[in-house]
Amino acid sequence: DIAGQGKADPTATVLSVALLLRHLGHDSEADRIDAAVAADLTERVGRPARSTSEIGDALAVRVAG
């Protein structure tokens, strides 16, 4: 019921990608994703909610860092 509204938080999906990368032996890439998510979650505390794309963009920037 929230499809197309930009309300879904993609963090769990991004963490699933990190698990897949770790399973495939790409530990350093998985570590970058884990660190990006941890930093983003810390930064979110007490702030207004962001859209799906805003969260995804923020994580992409941190991973590319």
Protein backbone atom coordinates (compact mmCIF):
# COMPACT_ATOMS: atom_id res chain seq x y z
CA ASP A 1 0.00 0.00 0.00
CA ILE A 2 3.02 2.31 0.00
CA ALA A 3 4.21 1.34 -3.48
CA GLY A 4 5.26 4.33 -5.55
CA GLN A 5 5.06 6.76 -2.64
CA GLY A 6 8.78 6.90 -1.82
CA LYS A 7 8.16 5.83 1.79
CA ALA A 8 10.01 2.50 1.84
CA ASP A 9 13.41 2.43 3.53
CA PRO A 10 15.88 0.57 1.27
CA THR A 11 18.42 -0.03 4.05
CA ALA A 12 17.54 -3.70 4.58
CA THR A 13 17.87 -4.39 0.87
CA VAL A 14 21.26 -2.70 0.79
CA LEU A 15 22.40 -4.78 3.77
CA SER A 16 21.24 -7.91 1.93
CA VAL A 17 23.59 -6.97 -0.89
CA ALA A 18 26.41 -6.72 1.66
CA LEU A 19 25.58 -10.23 2.90
CA LEU A 20 25.64 -11.55 -0.66
CA LEU A 21 28.98 -9.90 -1.36
CA ARG A 22 30.42 -11.35 1.86
CA HIS A 23 29.13 -14.81 0.89
CA LEU A 24 30.87 -14.46 -2.47
CA GLY A 25 34.15 -13.53 -0.79
CA HIS A 26 34.04 -9.79 -1.42
CA ASP A 27 34.58 -8.81 2.20
CA SER A 28 36.07 -5.37 1.63
CA GLU A 29 33.13 -4.31 -0.53
CA ALA A 30 30.69 -5.65 2.05
CA ASP A 31 32.56 -3.77 4.77
CA ARG A 32 32.16 -0.52 2.81
CA ILE A 33 28.42 -1.05 2.56
CA ASP A 34 28.12 -1.95 6.25
CA ALA A 35 30.08 1.17 7.22
CA ALA A 36 27.97 3.37 4.94
CA VAL A 37 24.74 2.04 6.44
CA ALA A 38 26.02 2.43 10.01
CA ALA A 39 27.07 6.04 9.35
CA ASP A 40 23.77 6.85 7.66
CA LEU A 41 21.71 5.34 10.47
CA THR A 42 23.70 7.31 13.04
CA GLU A 43 23.16 10.51 11.08
CA ARG A 44 19.40 9.88 10.78
CA VAL A 45 18.71 9.88 14.52
CA GLY A 46 16.36 12.70 15.42
CA ARG A 47 15.99 13.95 11.86
CA PRO A 48 12.89 14.03 9.67
CA ALA A 49 12.14 10.99 7.52
CA ARG A 50 13.66 10.89 4.04
CA SER A 51 12.28 9.38 0.86
CA THR A 52 13.39 6.05 -0.56
CA SER A 53 15.50 7.76 -3.21
CA GLU A 54 17.06 10.19 -0.73
CA ILE A 55 18.20 7.32 1.47
CA GLY A 56 19.44 5.33 -1.51
CA ASP A 57 21.35 8.31 -2.87
CA ALA A 58 22.92 9.02 0.53
CA LEU A 59 24.06 5.41 0.85
CA ALA A 60 25.45 5.37 -2.69
CA VAL A 61 27.50 8.50 -1.99
CA ARG A 62 28.88 6.99 1.24
CA VAL A 63 29.78 3.68 -0.42
CA ALA A 64 31.49 5.43 -3.33
CA GLY A 65 33.15 7.72 -0.79
